[in-house]
Amino acid sequence: MSHTRQVVFYAPKHGNAEAEWEDGAAAAPADGAGRGPRFAVADGATQGFGSARWAQQLVAGFVGDQGAAPDLSTAALLRWASDMQARWHDDPRLAGATDLQRLKQATVGSFATFLGCELRDLGGRRPHWAAVALGDAVLFHVRGHRVVAQFPPIAPDAFGSNPDGLPTGSAALGDMVDRAAFADGDLADGDLLYLATDAFAQWVAAADLRDGPALWTALARLDHPEAFRELVRGRRAAREMVNDDVTLMRVRFARTPAAHLVVCL
């Protein structure tokens, strides 16, 4: 049986508090119904209302923390996203919301780019990943310090300010879900999957073109949240990375279980 290990690194915008981080990241192990491990990241729109709550609800819902997670198909994704919208509007955390907050929820709402990934057939002949994406959150599949696949395949200069994503309003949901992209790729022992929201993904895509082996060696060795934040601070200072919330999930696929457990305090 194959094994996976994941870690999440994140940082809010420079000058913002921890509570102002508006991305989301979640993971869940294989379930009893035969569904493999799941991983997801999302990036809530800064201009929206309740964007952090929306992004975090989406990733939790996709990995299965909020009811049945969706199959990776357009029809299933639409049903799931509709349910996520209903849950967002009925969130008990808004029980004490003011009239103004309720008005913003109804009229402004929020929006989030989204990337979800599931690992399949881990005990079989063809272990592989399958993923769905809306917007510019990106999965990088790396083997031996080389990118095997990038999904979606966005060039460094093609990351935009108006990407596709999942809205909290129902009017545009069908059109958006129809624009979802799907992909898959075979896994080999020692492969790494990196799921990143746009600011970090854009920097990674550019850094890979400059010196891929150095980039992937450095990211594979990240072993502490502060090391990640120091990397982000340095790239922002060098104007190589835009000042936005950043999230990176690293998933390691291996044929044998880990010999050590590392806990950062």
C-alpha atoms as a PDB file:
ATOM      1  CA  MET A   1       0.000   0.000   0.000  1.00  0.00           C
ATOM      2  CA  SER A   2       1.254   3.479  -0.859  1.00  0.00           C
ATOM      3  CA  HIS A   3       1.400   6.358   1.591  1.00  0.00           C
ATOM      4  CA  THR A   4       1.049  10.112   1.420  1.00  0.00           C
ATOM      5  CA  ARG A   5       2.311  12.838   3.725  1.00  0.00           C
ATOM      6  CA  GLN A   6       1.326  16.469   3.428  1.00  0.00           C
ATOM      7  CA  VAL A   7       2.242  19.774   4.991  1.00  0.00           C
ATOM      8  CA  VAL A   8       0.744  23.237   4.522  1.00  0.00           C
ATOM      9  CA  PHE A   9       2.638  26.525   4.568  1.00  0.00           C
ATOM     10  CA  TYR A  10       0.917  29.901   4.396  1.00  0.00           C
ATOM     11  CA  ALA A  11       1.392  33.620   4.989  1.00  0.00           C
ATOM     12  CA  PRO A  12      -0.976  36.598   4.908  1.00  0.00           C
ATOM     13  CA  LYS A  13      -0.302  39.717   2.879  1.00  0.00           C
ATOM     14  CA  HIS A  14       2.564  41.827   4.190  1.00  0.00           C
ATOM     15  CA  GLY A  15       1.125  44.235   6.747  1.00  0.00           C
ATOM     16  CA  ASN A  16      -1.940  42.068   7.466  1.00  0.00           C
ATOM     17  CA  ALA A  17      -2.736  40.089  10.600  1.00  0.00           C
ATOM     18  CA  GLU A  18      -2.924  36.295  10.688  1.00  0.00           C
ATOM     19  CA  ALA A  19      -6.729  36.483  10.863  1.00  0.00           C
ATOM     20  CA  GLU A  20      -6.768  38.370   7.539  1.00  0.00           C
ATOM     21  CA  TRP A  21      -5.397  35.412   5.559  1.00  0.00           C
ATOM     22  CA  GLU A  22      -8.164  34.739   3.013  1.00  0.00           C
ATOM     23  CA  ASP A  23      -6.930  31.507   1.447  1.00  0.00           C
ATOM     24  CA  GLY A  24      -7.984  28.013   2.459  1.00  0.00           C
ATOM     25  CA  ALA A  25      -6.253  24.624   2.560  1.00  0.00           C
ATOM     26  CA  ALA A  26      -7.482  21.202   3.657  1.00  0.00           C
ATOM     27  CA  ALA A  27      -6.603  17.516   3.392  1.00  0.00           C
ATOM     28  CA  ALA A  28      -8.303  14.245   4.327  1.00  0.00           C
ATOM     29  CA  PRO A  29      -7.198  10.597   4.241  1.00  0.00           C
ATOM     30  CA  ALA A  30      -8.854   7.879   2.203  1.00  0.00           C
ATOM     31  CA  ASP A  31     -12.385   7.061   3.337  1.00  0.00           C
ATOM     32  CA  GLY A  32     -14.242   3.795   3.820  1.00  0.00           C
ATOM     33  CA  ALA A  33     -16.090   4.170   0.518  1.00  0.00           C
ATOM     34  CA  GLY A  34     -12.945   3.680  -1.550  1.00  0.00           C
ATOM     35  CA  ARG A  35     -12.216   7.340  -2.205  1.00  0.00           C
ATOM     36  CA  GLY A  36      -8.509   8.153  -1.968  1.00  0.00           C
ATOM     37  CA  PRO A  37      -6.833  10.945  -0.028  1.00  0.00           C
ATOM     38  CA  ARG A  38      -8.008  14.439  -0.992  1.00  0.00           C
ATOM     39  CA  PHE A  39      -6.294  17.814  -0.968  1.00  0.00           C
ATOM     40  CA  ALA A  40      -7.547  21.307  -1.805  1.00  0.00           C
ATOM     41  CA  VAL A  41      -6.528  24.967  -1.790  1.00  0.00           C
ATOM     42  CA  ALA A  42      -8.634  28.058  -2.493  1.00  0.00           C
ATOM     43  CA  ASP A  43      -8.077  31.806  -2.680  1.00  0.00           C
ATOM     44  CA  GLY A  44     -10.903  34.087  -1.537  1.00  0.00           C
ATOM     45  CA  ALA A  45     -11.379  37.419  -3.316  1.00  0.00           C
ATOM     46  CA  THR A  46     -10.053  40.364  -1.315  1.00  0.00           C
ATOM     47  CA  GLN A  47     -12.948  42.544  -2.501  1.00  0.00           C
ATOM     48  CA  GLY A  48     -15.604  40.059  -1.369  1.00  0.00           C
ATOM     49  CA  PHE A  49     -17.561  39.703   1.849  1.00  0.00           C
ATOM     50  CA  GLY A  50     -16.622  36.750   4.051  1.00  0.00           C
ATOM     51  CA  SER A  51     -13.951  35.620   1.601  1.00  0.00           C
ATOM     52  CA  ALA A  52     -11.874  33.700   4.147  1.00  0.00           C
ATOM     53  CA  ARG A  53     -14.968  31.858   5.319  1.00  0.00           C
ATOM     54  CA  TRP A  54     -15.910  30.974   1.730  1.00  0.00           C
ATOM     55  CA  ALA A  55     -12.437  29.732   0.755  1.00  0.00           C
ATOM     56  CA  GLN A  56     -12.128  27.649   3.898  1.00  0.00           C
ATOM     57  CA  GLN A  57     -15.609  26.192   3.484  1.00  0.00           C
ATOM     58  CA  LEU A  58     -14.848  25.132  -0.080  1.00  0.00           C
ATOM     59  CA  VAL A  59     -11.671  23.250   0.787  1.00  0.00           C
ATOM     60  CA  ALA A  60     -13.272  21.584   3.811  1.00  0.00           C
ATOM     61  CA  GLY A  61     -16.298  20.597   1.732  1.00  0.00           C
ATOM     62  CA  PHE A  62     -14.200  19.145  -1.065  1.00  0.00           C
ATOM     63  CA  VAL A  63     -12.187  16.860   1.190  1.00  0.00           C
ATOM     64  CA  GLY A  64     -15.378  15.706   2.905  1.00  0.00           C
ATOM     65  CA  ASP A  65     -15.547  17.588   6.208  1.00  0.00           C
ATOM     66  CA  GLN A  66     -18.982  19.011   5.406  1.00  0.00           C
ATOM     67  CA  GLY A  67     -20.935  16.110   3.971  1.00  0.00           C
ATOM     68  CA  ALA A  68     -20.408  14.098   0.813  1.00  0.00           C
ATOM     69  CA  ALA A  69     -17.451  15.318  -1.244  1.00  0.00           C
ATOM     70  CA  PRO A  70     -18.099  15.637  -4.984  1.00  0.00           C
ATOM     71  CA  ASP A  71     -16.990  13.279  -7.703  1.00  0.00           C
ATOM     72  CA  LEU A  72     -14.695  14.909 -10.227  1.00  0.00           C
ATOM     73  CA  SER A  73     -17.250  15.651 -12.920  1.00  0.00           C
ATOM     74  CA  THR A  74     -19.006  18.815 -14.051  1.00  0.00           C
ATOM     75  CA  ALA A  75     -22.445  17.629 -12.915  1.00  0.00           C
ATOM     76  CA  ALA A  76     -21.251  16.517  -9.477  1.00  0.00           C
ATOM     77  CA  LEU A  77     -19.253  19.712  -9.046  1.00  0.00           C
ATOM     78  CA  LEU A  78     -22.311  21.828  -9.783  1.00  0.00           C
ATOM     79  CA  ARG A  79     -24.448  19.957  -7.225  1.00  0.00           C
ATOM     80  CA  TRP A  80     -21.706  20.246  -4.617  1.00  0.00           C
ATOM     81  CA  ALA A  81     -21.074  23.953  -5.277  1.00  0.00           C
ATOM     82  CA  SER A  82     -24.802  24.668  -4.963  1.00  0.00           C
ATOM     83  CA  ASP A  83     -24.788  22.941  -1.576  1.00  0.00           C
ATOM     84  CA  MET A  84     -21.724  24.934  -0.531  1.00  0.00           C
ATOM     85  CA  GLN A  85     -23.542  28.148  -1.443  1.00  0.00           C
ATOM     86  CA  ALA A  86     -26.545  27.182   0.698  1.00  0.00           C
ATOM     87  CA  ARG A  87     -24.287  26.368   3.626  1.00  0.00           C
ATOM     88  CA  TRP A  88     -22.445  29.672   3.238  1.00  0.00           C
ATOM     89  CA  HIS A  89     -25.668  31.694   3.333  1.00  0.00           C
ATOM     90  CA  ASP A  90     -26.939  29.744   6.365  1.00  0.00           C
ATOM     91  CA  ASP A  91     -23.627  29.745   8.251  1.00  0.00           C
ATOM     92  CA  PRO A  92     -24.404  29.733  12.008  1.00  0.00           C
ATOM     93  CA  ARG A  93     -21.384  31.977  12.567  1.00  0.00           C
ATOM     94  CA  LEU A  94     -23.491  34.786  11.098  1.00  0.00           C
ATOM     95  CA  ALA A  95     -26.212  34.369  13.710  1.00  0.00           C
ATOM     96  CA  GLY A  96     -25.224  37.680  15.288  1.00  0.00           C
ATOM     97  CA  ALA A  97     -24.565  39.525  12.036  1.00  0.00           C
ATOM     98  CA  THR A  98     -25.764  43.096  11.686  1.00  0.00           C
ATOM     99  CA  ASP A  99     -28.270  44.170   9.044  1.00  0.00           C
ATOM    100  CA  LEU A 100     -25.398  45.746   7.086  1.00  0.00           C
ATOM    101  CA  GLN A 101     -23.416  42.508   7.174  1.00  0.00           C
ATOM    102  CA  ARG A 102     -26.449  40.550   6.009  1.00  0.00           C
ATOM    103  CA  LEU A 103     -26.928  43.035   3.173  1.00  0.00           C
ATOM    104  CA  LYS A 104     -23.289  42.649   2.091  1.00  0.00           C
ATOM    105  CA  GLN A 105     -23.614  38.892   2.236  1.00  0.00           C
ATOM    106  CA  ALA A 106     -26.636  38.998  -0.065  1.00  0.00           C
ATOM    107  CA  THR A 107     -25.482  41.701  -2.480  1.00  0.00           C
ATOM    108  CA  VAL A 108     -21.670  41.542  -2.480  1.00  0.00           C
ATOM    109  CA  GLY A 109     -20.985  37.933  -1.552  1.00  0.00           C
ATOM    110  CA  SER A 110     -17.644  36.386  -2.345  1.00  0.00           C
ATOM    111  CA  PHE A 111     -15.668  34.439  -4.927  1.00  0.00           C
ATOM    112  CA  ALA A 112     -12.728  32.035  -4.738  1.00  0.00           C
ATOM    113  CA  THR A 113     -10.374  30.319  -7.109  1.00  0.00           C
ATOM    114  CA  PHE A 114     -10.216  26.612  -6.354  1.00  0.00           C
ATOM    115  CA  LEU A 115      -8.029  23.561  -6.868  1.00  0.00           C
ATOM    116  CA  GLY A 116      -8.974  20.091  -5.646  1.00  0.00           C
ATOM    117  CA  CYS A 117      -6.989  16.869  -6.024  1.00  0.00           C
ATOM    118  CA  GLU A 118      -7.705  13.209  -5.258  1.00  0.00           C
ATOM    119  CA  LEU A 119      -5.207  10.330  -5.275  1.00  0.00           C
ATOM    120  CA  ARG A 120      -6.506   7.073  -6.740  1.00  0.00           C
ATOM    121  CA  ASP A 121      -5.584   3.386  -6.975  1.00  0.00           C
ATOM    122  CA  LEU A 122      -2.842   3.744  -4.359  1.00  0.00           C
ATOM    123  CA  GLY A 123      -2.897   0.018  -3.700  1.00  0.00           C
ATOM    124  CA  GLY A 124      -3.250  -0.944  -7.350  1.00  0.00           C
ATOM    125  CA  ARG A 125      -1.298  -1.022 -10.577  1.00  0.00           C
ATOM    126  CA  ARG A 126      -1.763   2.587 -11.544  1.00  0.00           C
ATOM    127  CA  PRO A 127      -1.566   5.051  -8.659  1.00  0.00           C
ATOM    128  CA  HIS A 128      -2.436   8.477 -10.002  1.00  0.00           C
ATOM    129  CA  TRP A 129      -3.812  11.891  -9.143  1.00  0.00           C
ATOM    130  CA  ALA A 130      -6.968  13.449 -10.553  1.00  0.00           C
ATOM    131  CA  ALA A 131      -7.720  17.141 -10.139  1.00  0.00           C
ATOM    132  CA  VAL A 132     -10.195  19.915 -10.879  1.00  0.00           C
ATOM    133  CA  ALA A 133      -9.352  23.611 -11.122  1.00  0.00           C
ATOM    134  CA  LEU A 134     -11.188  26.877 -11.482  1.00  0.00           C
ATOM    135  CA  GLY A 135      -8.904  29.881 -11.737  1.00  0.00           C
ATOM    136  CA  ASP A 136      -5.211  30.297 -11.070  1.00  0.00           C
ATOM    137  CA  ALA A 137      -4.511  28.019  -8.129  1.00  0.00           C
ATOM    138  CA  VAL A 138      -2.023  25.523  -9.543  1.00  0.00           C
ATOM    139  CA  LEU A 139      -0.825  21.940  -9.020  1.00  0.00           C
ATOM    140  CA  PHE A 140       2.827  21.166  -9.806  1.00  0.00           C
ATOM    141  CA  HIS A 141       3.697  17.455 -10.127  1.00  0.00           C
ATOM    142  CA  VAL A 142       7.432  17.070  -9.519  1.00  0.00           C
ATOM    143  CA  ARG A 143       9.647  14.012  -9.971  1.00  0.00           C
ATOM    144  CA  GLY A 144      13.386  14.118  -9.384  1.00  0.00           C
ATOM    145  CA  HIS A 145      13.478  17.946  -9.232  1.00  0.00           C
ATOM    146  CA  ARG A 146      11.687  18.225 -12.567  1.00  0.00           C
ATOM    147  CA  VAL A 147       8.101  19.242 -13.341  1.00  0.00           C
ATOM    148  CA  VAL A 148       6.192  16.315 -14.812  1.00  0.00           C
ATOM    149  CA  ALA A 149       2.960  18.293 -15.096  1.00  0.00           C
ATOM    150  CA  GLN A 150       1.574  21.719 -14.245  1.00  0.00           C
ATOM    151  CA  PHE A 151      -2.191  22.029 -13.931  1.00  0.00           C
ATOM    152  CA  PRO A 152      -3.618  24.347 -15.089  1.00  0.00           C
ATOM    153  CA  PRO A 153      -0.694  25.129 -17.464  1.00  0.00           C
ATOM    154  CA  ILE A 154      -0.551  28.881 -16.807  1.00  0.00           C
ATOM    155  CA  ALA A 155       2.527  30.818 -17.947  1.00  0.00           C
ATOM    156  CA  PRO A 156       4.097  33.215 -15.407  1.00  0.00           C
ATOM    157  CA  ASP A 157       2.849  36.282 -17.299  1.00  0.00           C
ATOM    158  CA  ALA A 158      -0.686  34.876 -17.716  1.00  0.00           C
ATOM    159  CA  PHE A 159      -1.804  35.057 -14.086  1.00  0.00           C
ATOM    160  CA  GLY A 160      -4.566  37.658 -14.094  1.00  0.00           C
ATOM    161  CA  SER A 161      -6.678  39.819 -11.818  1.00  0.00           C
ATOM    162  CA  ASN A 162      -9.988  38.314 -13.011  1.00  0.00           C
ATOM    163  CA  PRO A 163      -9.620  34.528 -12.927  1.00  0.00           C
ATOM    164  CA  ASP A 164     -12.411  31.985 -12.977  1.00  0.00           C
ATOM    165  CA  GLY A 165     -13.640  30.678  -9.643  1.00  0.00           C
ATOM    166  CA  LEU A 166     -16.589  29.651  -7.519  1.00  0.00           C
ATOM    167  CA  PRO A 167     -19.026  32.445  -6.524  1.00  0.00           C
ATOM    168  CA  THR A 168     -21.375  32.564  -3.536  1.00  0.00           C
ATOM    169  CA  GLY A 169     -24.150  33.860  -5.811  1.00  0.00           C
ATOM    170  CA  SER A 170     -26.222  31.355  -7.785  1.00  0.00           C
ATOM    171  CA  ALA A 171     -26.672  33.367 -10.992  1.00  0.00           C
ATOM    172  CA  ALA A 172     -23.195  32.740 -12.421  1.00  0.00           C
ATOM    173  CA  LEU A 173     -22.527  29.356 -10.859  1.00  0.00           C
ATOM    174  CA  GLY A 174     -23.550  27.163 -13.802  1.00  0.00           C
ATOM    175  CA  ASP A 175     -21.455  29.115 -16.300  1.00  0.00           C
ATOM    176  CA  MET A 176     -18.444  29.056 -13.980  1.00  0.00           C
ATOM    177  CA  VAL A 177     -18.609  25.334 -13.276  1.00  0.00           C
ATOM    178  CA  ASP A 178     -18.821  24.662 -17.018  1.00  0.00           C
ATOM    179  CA  ARG A 179     -15.387  26.315 -17.257  1.00  0.00           C
ATOM    180  CA  ALA A 180     -13.779  23.967 -14.732  1.00  0.00           C
ATOM    181  CA  ALA A 181     -10.722  22.106 -16.005  1.00  0.00           C
ATOM    182  CA  PHE A 182      -9.898  18.476 -15.194  1.00  0.00           C
ATOM    183  CA  ALA A 183      -6.624  16.553 -15.443  1.00  0.00           C
ATOM    184  CA  ASP A 184      -4.799  13.495 -14.091  1.00  0.00           C
ATOM    185  CA  GLY A 185      -1.310  12.062 -13.963  1.00  0.00           C
ATOM    186  CA  ASP A 186       0.471   8.839 -12.972  1.00  0.00           C
ATOM    187  CA  LEU A 187       2.434   8.725  -9.716  1.00  0.00           C
ATOM    188  CA  ALA A 188       5.807   7.129  -9.002  1.00  0.00           C
ATOM    189  CA  ASP A 189       7.541   6.470  -5.689  1.00  0.00           C
ATOM    190  CA  GLY A 190       8.952   9.699  -4.265  1.00  0.00           C
ATOM    191  CA  ASP A 191       6.853  12.057  -6.399  1.00  0.00           C
ATOM    192  CA  LEU A 192       5.823  15.391  -4.917  1.00  0.00           C
ATOM    193  CA  LEU A 193       2.648  17.358  -5.574  1.00  0.00           C
ATOM    194  CA  TYR A 194       2.570  21.068  -4.771  1.00  0.00           C
ATOM    195  CA  LEU A 195      -0.768  22.889  -4.607  1.00  0.00           C
ATOM    196  CA  ALA A 196      -0.353  26.669  -4.543  1.00  0.00           C
ATOM    197  CA  THR A 197      -2.572  29.734  -4.677  1.00  0.00           C
ATOM    198  CA  ASP A 198      -1.891  32.339  -7.327  1.00  0.00           C
ATOM    199  CA  ALA A 199       0.830  34.595  -5.895  1.00  0.00           C
ATOM    200  CA  PHE A 200       3.060  31.706  -4.911  1.00  0.00           C
ATOM    201  CA  ALA A 201       2.153  29.676  -8.003  1.00  0.00           C
ATOM    202  CA  GLN A 202       3.127  32.554 -10.283  1.00  0.00           C
ATOM    203  CA  TRP A 203       6.513  32.879  -8.594  1.00  0.00           C
ATOM    204  CA  VAL A 204       7.054  29.100  -8.781  1.00  0.00           C
ATOM    205  CA  ALA A 205       6.230  29.018 -12.499  1.00  0.00           C
ATOM    206  CA  ALA A 206       8.756  31.794 -13.167  1.00  0.00           C
ATOM    207  CA  ALA A 207      11.437  30.325 -10.871  1.00  0.00           C
ATOM    208  CA  ASP A 208      11.098  26.929 -12.550  1.00  0.00           C
ATOM    209  CA  LEU A 209      12.013  28.508 -15.884  1.00  0.00           C
ATOM    210  CA  ARG A 210      15.094  30.145 -14.365  1.00  0.00           C
ATOM    211  CA  ASP A 211      16.468  27.194 -12.394  1.00  0.00           C
ATOM    212  CA  GLY A 212      14.059  24.326 -11.838  1.00  0.00           C
ATOM    213  CA  PRO A 213      16.402  21.960  -9.946  1.00  0.00           C
ATOM    214  CA  ALA A 214      17.351  24.650  -7.412  1.00  0.00           C
ATOM    215  CA  LEU A 215      13.716  25.638  -6.907  1.00  0.00           C
ATOM    216  CA  TRP A 216      12.406  22.130  -6.329  1.00  0.00           C
ATOM    217  CA  THR A 217      15.312  21.192  -4.088  1.00  0.00           C
ATOM    218  CA  ALA A 218      14.568  24.213  -1.900  1.00  0.00           C
ATOM    219  CA  LEU A 219      10.817  23.568  -1.736  1.00  0.00           C
ATOM    220  CA  ALA A 220      11.311  19.866  -0.960  1.00  0.00           C
ATOM    221  CA  ARG A 221      13.534  20.834   1.974  1.00  0.00           C
ATOM    222  CA  LEU A 222      11.139  23.313   3.563  1.00  0.00           C
ATOM    223  CA  ASP A 223      10.704  22.011   7.085  1.00  0.00           C
ATOM    224  CA  HIS A 224       9.312  24.870   9.179  1.00  0.00           C
ATOM    225  CA  PRO A 225       6.639  27.584   8.762  1.00  0.00           C
ATOM    226  CA  GLU A 226       9.161  30.316   9.501  1.00  0.00           C
ATOM    227  CA  ALA A 227      11.478  29.053   6.748  1.00  0.00           C
ATOM    228  CA  PHE A 228       8.575  29.372   4.320  1.00  0.00           C
ATOM    229  CA  ARG A 229       7.748  32.874   5.522  1.00  0.00           C
ATOM    230  CA  GLU A 230      11.374  33.926   5.213  1.00  0.00           C
ATOM    231  CA  LEU A 231      11.328  32.695   1.615  1.00  0.00           C
ATOM    232  CA  VAL A 232       8.155  34.696   0.936  1.00  0.00           C
ATOM    233  CA  ARG A 233       9.547  37.842   2.586  1.00  0.00           C
ATOM    234  CA  GLY A 234      12.690  37.616   0.487  1.00  0.00           C
ATOM    235  CA  ARG A 235      10.848  37.130  -2.805  1.00  0.00           C
ATOM    236  CA  ARG A 236       8.475  39.991  -2.012  1.00  0.00           C
ATOM    237  CA  ALA A 237      11.384  42.261  -1.155  1.00  0.00           C
ATOM    238  CA  ALA A 238      13.034  41.329  -4.459  1.00  0.00           C
ATOM    239  CA  ARG A 239       9.733  42.142  -6.234  1.00  0.00           C
ATOM    240  CA  GLU A 240       9.581  38.621  -7.597  1.00  0.00           C
ATOM    241  CA  MET A 241       6.337  37.821  -5.753  1.00  0.00           C
ATOM    242  CA  VAL A 242       3.256  40.034  -5.510  1.00  0.00           C
ATOM    243  CA  ASN A 243       2.045  41.002  -2.052  1.00  0.00           C
ATOM    244  CA  ASP A 244      -0.931  38.690  -1.674  1.00  0.00           C
ATOM    245  CA  ASP A 245      -1.966  35.871   0.630  1.00  0.00           C
ATOM    246  CA  VAL A 246       0.113  32.796  -0.181  1.00  0.00           C
ATOM    247  CA  THR A 247      -0.513  29.113   0.425  1.00  0.00           C
ATOM    248  CA  LEU A 248       1.564  26.058  -0.472  1.00  0.00           C
ATOM    249  CA  MET A 249       0.576  22.449   0.220  1.00  0.00           C
ATOM    250  CA  ARG A 250       3.248  19.824  -0.356  1.00  0.00           C
ATOM    251  CA  VAL A 251       2.137  16.192  -0.758  1.00  0.00           C
ATOM    252  CA  ARG A 252       4.730  13.414  -0.855  1.00  0.00           C
ATOM    253  CA  PHE A 253       3.816  10.047  -2.413  1.00  0.00           C
ATOM    254  CA  ALA A 254       5.796   7.040  -1.206  1.00  0.00           C
ATOM    255  CA  ARG A 255       5.607   3.254  -1.328  1.00  0.00           C
ATOM    256  CA  THR A 256       6.785   2.944   2.285  1.00  0.00           C
ATOM    257  CA  PRO A 257       5.556   4.729   5.423  1.00  0.00           C
ATOM    258  CA  ALA A 258       7.530   7.588   6.949  1.00  0.00           C
ATOM    259  CA  ALA A 259      10.236   6.607   9.432  1.00  0.00           C
ATOM    260  CA  HIS A 260       9.953   9.871  11.401  1.00  0.00           C
ATOM    261  CA  LEU A 261       7.273  12.370  12.404  1.00  0.00           C
ATOM    262  CA  VAL A 262       8.301  16.034  12.605  1.00  0.00           C
ATOM    263  CA  VAL A 263       6.214  18.461  14.657  1.00  0.00           C
ATOM    264  CA  CYS A 264       6.870  22.217  14.460  1.00  0.00           C
ATOM    265  CA  LEU A 265       6.297  24.057  17.729  1.00  0.00           C
END
